[in-house]
Amino acid sequence: MDFQAYQQQSRSTARYPGAGANPIYPTLGLSGEAGEVADKVKKVLRDQGGVFSAEAVASLKLELGDVLWYVAQLATELGLDLDQIALANLDKLASRDARNVISGSGDNR
């Protein structure tokens, strides 16, 4: 599956207040789901000594799917295509790598 197909198909399940004109809802959902991913990883560090069991990976897979869903909905609300977002990100990273500034901080490096 490609990003464009995912974005289009996932939209059929977008049932939230003002869907189609509400970027706030998917933004808040994205934050919450990203927090759930971080919490699960934290618990792997705390409870499993940093060893990711098959169960932990399966659980993270589901949470990452939720993150992806909210990213797709936010992109749609903003009139953006996931394919274009992904390509722009790869271009940005390749440019940073070519200029030897891939590590460090700041958006404009």
N, C-alpha and C. Protein backbone atom coordinates (compact mmCIF):
# COMPACT_ATOMS: atom_id res chain seq x y z
N MET A 1 0.84 -1.18 0.00
CA MET A 1 0.00 0.00 0.00
C MET A 1 0.88 1.24 0.00
N ASP A 2 0.50 2.24 -0.77
CA ASP A 2 1.25 3.49 -0.76
C ASP A 2 0.53 4.53 0.11
N PHE A 3 1.20 5.62 0.37
CA PHE A 3 0.65 6.65 1.24
C PHE A 3 -0.65 7.24 0.70
N GLN A 4 -0.70 7.47 -0.59
CA GLN A 4 -1.90 8.07 -1.17
C GLN A 4 -3.11 7.15 -0.97
N ALA A 5 -2.94 5.87 -1.22
CA ALA A 5 -4.03 4.92 -1.04
C ALA A 5 -4.45 4.86 0.43
N TYR A 6 -3.48 4.84 1.32
CA TYR A 6 -3.79 4.81 2.75
C TYR A 6 -4.58 6.05 3.15
N GLN A 7 -4.10 7.21 2.71
CA GLN A 7 -4.76 8.46 3.07
C GLN A 7 -6.21 8.46 2.59
N GLN A 8 -6.43 8.03 1.38
CA GLN A 8 -7.79 8.01 0.83
C GLN A 8 -8.67 7.00 1.56
N GLN A 9 -8.16 5.81 1.80
CA GLN A 9 -8.97 4.78 2.44
C GLN A 9 -9.23 5.09 3.91
N SER A 10 -8.25 5.67 4.58
CA SER A 10 -8.44 5.97 6.00
C SER A 10 -9.47 7.07 6.22
N ARG A 11 -9.66 7.89 5.21
CA ARG A 11 -10.61 9.00 5.34
C ARG A 11 -12.03 8.50 5.56
N SER A 12 -12.34 7.32 5.07
CA SER A 12 -13.70 6.79 5.22
C SER A 12 -14.05 6.51 6.67
N THR A 13 -13.05 6.46 7.55
CA THR A 13 -13.30 6.22 8.97
C THR A 13 -13.13 7.48 9.81
N ALA A 14 -13.00 8.62 9.16
CA ALA A 14 -12.80 9.89 9.88
C ALA A 14 -14.16 10.41 10.35
N ARG A 15 -14.49 10.07 11.56
CA ARG A 15 -15.76 10.51 12.15
C ARG A 15 -15.45 11.28 13.42
N TYR A 16 -15.30 12.56 13.25
CA TYR A 16 -15.06 13.44 14.39
C TYR A 16 -15.71 14.78 14.10
N PRO A 17 -15.91 15.59 15.13
CA PRO A 17 -16.61 16.87 14.94
C PRO A 17 -15.94 17.73 13.87
N GLY A 18 -16.72 18.16 12.90
CA GLY A 18 -16.22 19.07 11.87
C GLY A 18 -15.25 18.44 10.90
N ALA A 19 -15.28 17.12 10.76
CA ALA A 19 -14.37 16.45 9.82
C ALA A 19 -14.49 17.12 8.46
N GLY A 20 -13.35 17.48 7.91
CA GLY A 20 -13.30 18.19 6.64
C GLY A 20 -12.96 19.66 6.82
N ALA A 21 -13.10 20.14 8.04
CA ALA A 21 -12.77 21.54 8.33
C ALA A 21 -12.31 21.68 9.79
N ASN A 22 -11.58 20.68 10.28
CA ASN A 22 -11.19 20.69 11.69
C ASN A 22 -9.81 20.07 11.88
N PRO A 23 -8.74 20.84 11.68
CA PRO A 23 -7.40 20.28 11.89
C PRO A 23 -7.05 20.10 13.37
N ILE A 24 -7.80 20.71 14.25
CA ILE A 24 -7.47 20.63 15.68
C ILE A 24 -7.68 19.22 16.22
N TYR A 25 -8.79 18.59 15.86
CA TYR A 25 -9.08 17.26 16.38
C TYR A 25 -7.98 16.25 16.03
N PRO A 26 -7.59 16.11 14.76
CA PRO A 26 -6.53 15.14 14.48
C PRO A 26 -5.18 15.54 15.08
N THR A 27 -4.95 16.83 15.28
CA THR A 27 -3.71 17.25 15.93
C THR A 27 -3.67 16.76 17.37
N LEU A 28 -4.77 16.91 18.07
CA LEU A 28 -4.83 16.44 19.46
C LEU A 28 -4.76 14.92 19.52
N GLY A 29 -5.43 14.25 18.58
CA GLY A 29 -5.35 12.79 18.53
C GLY A 29 -3.94 12.30 18.27
N LEU A 30 -3.25 12.98 17.37
CA LEU A 30 -1.86 12.62 17.05
C LEU A 30 -0.98 12.75 18.29
N SER A 31 -1.15 13.82 19.02
CA SER A 31 -0.37 14.01 20.25
C SER A 31 -0.64 12.90 21.25
N GLY A 32 -1.91 12.55 21.41
CA GLY A 32 -2.26 11.49 22.35
C GLY A 32 -1.69 10.15 21.95
N GLU A 33 -1.81 9.81 20.67
CA GLU A 33 -1.30 8.51 20.21
C GLU A 33 0.22 8.45 20.27
N ALA A 34 0.90 9.55 19.94
CA ALA A 34 2.36 9.58 20.05
C ALA A 34 2.77 9.38 21.50
N GLY A 35 2.00 9.96 22.42
CA GLY A 35 2.26 9.75 23.84
C GLY A 35 2.10 8.30 24.25
N GLU A 36 1.09 7.62 23.67
CA GLU A 36 0.91 6.20 23.97
C GLU A 36 2.09 5.38 23.47
N VAL A 37 2.61 5.71 22.30
CA VAL A 37 3.80 5.02 21.79
C VAL A 37 4.96 5.22 22.76
N ALA A 38 5.19 6.46 23.16
CA ALA A 38 6.29 6.76 24.07
C ALA A 38 6.11 6.03 25.41
N ASP A 39 4.90 5.97 25.90
CA ASP A 39 4.64 5.29 27.17
C ASP A 39 4.93 3.80 27.08
N LYS A 40 4.56 3.18 25.98
CA LYS A 40 4.83 1.75 25.81
C LYS A 40 6.34 1.48 25.73
N VAL A 41 7.06 2.35 25.04
CA VAL A 41 8.52 2.19 24.96
C VAL A 41 9.14 2.40 26.33
N LYS A 42 8.64 3.40 27.07
CA LYS A 42 9.13 3.64 28.43
C LYS A 42 8.96 2.40 29.30
N LYS A 43 7.80 1.74 29.18
CA LYS A 43 7.55 0.56 29.99
C LYS A 43 8.43 -0.62 29.57
N VAL A 44 8.81 -0.69 28.30
CA VAL A 44 9.77 -1.72 27.87
C VAL A 44 11.11 -1.46 28.56
N LEU A 45 11.51 -0.20 28.63
CA LEU A 45 12.77 0.12 29.31
C LEU A 45 12.69 -0.19 30.80
N ARG A 46 11.57 0.20 31.41
CA ARG A 46 11.41 0.02 32.86
C ARG A 46 11.19 -1.44 33.25
N ASP A 47 10.31 -2.13 32.53
CA ASP A 47 9.87 -3.45 32.97
C ASP A 47 10.56 -4.61 32.27
N GLN A 48 11.14 -4.37 31.10
CA GLN A 48 11.72 -5.47 30.33
C GLN A 48 13.20 -5.25 30.03
N GLY A 49 13.81 -4.30 30.73
CA GLY A 49 15.23 -4.05 30.55
C GLY A 49 15.59 -3.60 29.14
N GLY A 50 14.63 -2.99 28.45
CA GLY A 50 14.89 -2.49 27.10
C GLY A 50 14.78 -3.55 26.02
N VAL A 51 14.33 -4.74 26.37
CA VAL A 51 14.17 -5.83 25.41
C VAL A 51 12.73 -5.83 24.90
N PHE A 52 12.59 -5.65 23.60
CA PHE A 52 11.27 -5.58 22.98
C PHE A 52 10.77 -6.98 22.65
N SER A 53 9.85 -7.47 23.45
CA SER A 53 9.25 -8.78 23.21
C SER A 53 8.36 -8.71 21.98
N ALA A 54 7.98 -9.87 21.48
CA ALA A 54 7.05 -9.91 20.34
C ALA A 54 5.74 -9.23 20.71
N GLU A 55 5.30 -9.40 21.94
CA GLU A 55 4.05 -8.76 22.41
C GLU A 55 4.19 -7.24 22.42
N ALA A 56 5.32 -6.74 22.89
CA ALA A 56 5.54 -5.29 22.92
C ALA A 56 5.59 -4.72 21.51
N VAL A 57 6.25 -5.42 20.61
CA VAL A 57 6.33 -4.96 19.21
C VAL A 57 4.94 -4.96 18.58
N ALA A 58 4.16 -6.00 18.84
CA ALA A 58 2.80 -6.06 18.29
C ALA A 58 1.95 -4.92 18.82
N SER A 59 2.09 -4.61 20.09
CA SER A 59 1.34 -3.51 20.69
C SER A 59 1.77 -2.17 20.09
N LEU A 60 3.07 -2.00 19.89
CA LEU A 60 3.58 -0.77 19.27
C LEU A 60 3.12 -0.64 17.82
N LYS A 61 3.04 -1.75 17.13
CA LYS A 61 2.55 -1.73 15.75
C LYS A 61 1.15 -1.14 15.69
N LEU A 62 0.29 -1.55 16.60
CA LEU A 62 -1.07 -1.01 16.64
C LEU A 62 -1.07 0.48 16.95
N GLU A 63 -0.27 0.89 17.91
CA GLU A 63 -0.22 2.31 18.27
C GLU A 63 0.36 3.15 17.13
N LEU A 64 1.37 2.63 16.45
CA LEU A 64 1.94 3.35 15.31
C LEU A 64 0.92 3.48 14.19
N GLY A 65 0.08 2.49 14.04
CA GLY A 65 -1.01 2.60 13.08
C GLY A 65 -1.96 3.73 13.43
N ASP A 66 -2.23 3.90 14.72
CA ASP A 66 -3.08 5.01 15.16
C ASP A 66 -2.40 6.35 14.88
N VAL A 67 -1.09 6.42 15.12
CA VAL A 67 -0.34 7.64 14.80
C VAL A 67 -0.47 7.94 13.31
N LEU A 68 -0.28 6.93 12.48
CA LEU A 68 -0.37 7.12 11.04
C LEU A 68 -1.76 7.60 10.64
N TRP A 69 -2.81 7.06 11.24
CA TRP A 69 -4.17 7.47 10.93
C TRP A 69 -4.36 8.97 11.21
N TYR A 70 -3.90 9.40 12.37
CA TYR A 70 -4.05 10.82 12.71
C TYR A 70 -3.19 11.71 11.82
N VAL A 71 -2.00 11.27 11.45
CA VAL A 71 -1.17 12.04 10.50
C VAL A 71 -1.92 12.18 9.18
N ALA A 72 -2.52 11.09 8.72
CA ALA A 72 -3.26 11.13 7.45
C ALA A 72 -4.45 12.09 7.54
N GLN A 73 -5.15 12.07 8.66
CA GLN A 73 -6.32 12.95 8.79
C GLN A 73 -5.90 14.41 8.87
N LEU A 74 -4.84 14.69 9.60
CA LEU A 74 -4.35 16.07 9.69
C LEU A 74 -3.88 16.56 8.33
N ALA A 75 -3.16 15.72 7.61
CA ALA A 75 -2.72 16.09 6.26
C ALA A 75 -3.92 16.40 5.38
N THR A 76 -4.93 15.57 5.45
CA THR A 76 -6.13 15.79 4.64
C THR A 76 -6.81 17.10 5.02
N GLU A 77 -6.93 17.35 6.31
CA GLU A 77 -7.55 18.60 6.77
C GLU A 77 -6.79 19.83 6.24
N LEU A 78 -5.49 19.69 6.07
CA LEU A 78 -4.65 20.81 5.60
C LEU A 78 -4.48 20.83 4.09
N GLY A 79 -5.10 19.88 3.40
CA GLY A 79 -4.99 19.83 1.94
C GLY A 79 -3.65 19.32 1.45
N LEU A 80 -3.00 18.50 2.26
CA LEU A 80 -1.69 17.96 1.91
C LEU A 80 -1.81 16.48 1.58
N ASP A 81 -0.92 16.00 0.73
CA ASP A 81 -0.85 14.59 0.38
C ASP A 81 0.30 13.93 1.13
N LEU A 82 0.03 12.76 1.72
CA LEU A 82 1.08 12.05 2.44
C LEU A 82 2.27 11.72 1.55
N ASP A 83 2.00 11.39 0.28
CA ASP A 83 3.11 11.13 -0.64
C ASP A 83 4.03 12.34 -0.74
N GLN A 84 3.46 13.52 -0.87
CA GLN A 84 4.26 14.74 -0.99
C GLN A 84 5.00 15.04 0.32
N ILE A 85 4.33 14.79 1.44
CA ILE A 85 4.98 14.99 2.74
C ILE A 85 6.19 14.07 2.87
N ALA A 86 6.02 12.81 2.51
CA ALA A 86 7.10 11.83 2.62
C ALA A 86 8.28 12.21 1.72
N LEU A 87 7.98 12.58 0.48
CA LEU A 87 9.05 12.97 -0.45
C LEU A 87 9.78 14.22 0.02
N ALA A 88 9.04 15.20 0.50
CA ALA A 88 9.67 16.43 1.00
C ALA A 88 10.58 16.12 2.18
N ASN A 89 10.15 15.21 3.05
CA ASN A 89 10.97 14.84 4.19
C ASN A 89 12.25 14.15 3.75
N LEU A 90 12.15 13.23 2.79
CA LEU A 90 13.35 12.56 2.28
C LEU A 90 14.30 13.55 1.61
N ASP A 91 13.75 14.50 0.87
CA ASP A 91 14.58 15.53 0.24
C ASP A 91 15.31 16.36 1.29
N LYS A 92 14.58 16.75 2.34
CA LYS A 92 15.19 17.54 3.42
C LYS A 92 16.33 16.77 4.08
N LEU A 93 16.08 15.49 4.37
CA LEU A 93 17.11 14.69 5.03
C LEU A 93 18.31 14.45 4.12
N ALA A 94 18.08 14.23 2.84
CA ALA A 94 19.20 14.05 1.90
C ALA A 94 20.03 15.32 1.81
N SER A 95 19.37 16.48 1.81
CA SER A 95 20.10 17.74 1.78
C SER A 95 20.95 17.92 3.03
N ARG A 96 20.39 17.61 4.17
CA ARG A 96 21.15 17.72 5.42
C ARG A 96 22.34 16.76 5.40
N ASP A 97 22.09 15.55 4.91
CA ASP A 97 23.17 14.56 4.85
C ASP A 97 24.29 15.04 3.93
N ALA A 98 23.92 15.57 2.77
CA ALA A 98 24.91 16.05 1.80
C ALA A 98 25.73 17.21 2.36
N ARG A 99 25.11 18.01 3.21
CA ARG A 99 25.79 19.17 3.82
C ARG A 99 26.41 18.83 5.17
N ASN A 100 26.32 17.53 5.54
CA ASN A 100 26.89 17.05 6.81
C ASN A 100 26.30 17.77 8.03
N VAL A 101 24.98 18.03 7.97
CA VAL A 101 24.31 18.65 9.11
C VAL A 101 23.08 17.82 9.53
N ILE A 102 23.16 16.52 9.26
CA ILE A 102 22.01 15.68 9.60
C ILE A 102 21.82 15.57 11.10
N SER A 103 22.89 15.66 11.86
CA SER A 103 22.74 15.71 13.32
C SER A 103 22.81 17.16 13.75
N GLY A 104 22.34 17.41 14.91
CA GLY A 104 22.29 18.78 15.40
C GLY A 104 20.86 19.16 15.68
N SER A 105 20.61 20.45 15.79
CA SER A 105 19.28 20.90 16.11
C SER A 105 18.90 22.08 15.23
N GLY A 106 17.63 22.34 15.20
CA GLY A 106 17.12 23.46 14.40
C GLY A 106 16.48 22.97 13.12
N ASP A 107 15.39 23.61 12.76
CA ASP A 107 14.67 23.23 11.55
C ASP A 107 15.44 23.61 10.28
N ASN A 108 16.09 24.75 10.30
CA ASN A 108 16.74 25.27 9.08
C ASN A 108 18.24 25.06 9.14
N ARG A 109 18.65 23.81 8.99
CA ARG A 109 20.10 23.55 9.00
C ARG A 109 20.50 22.83 7.75
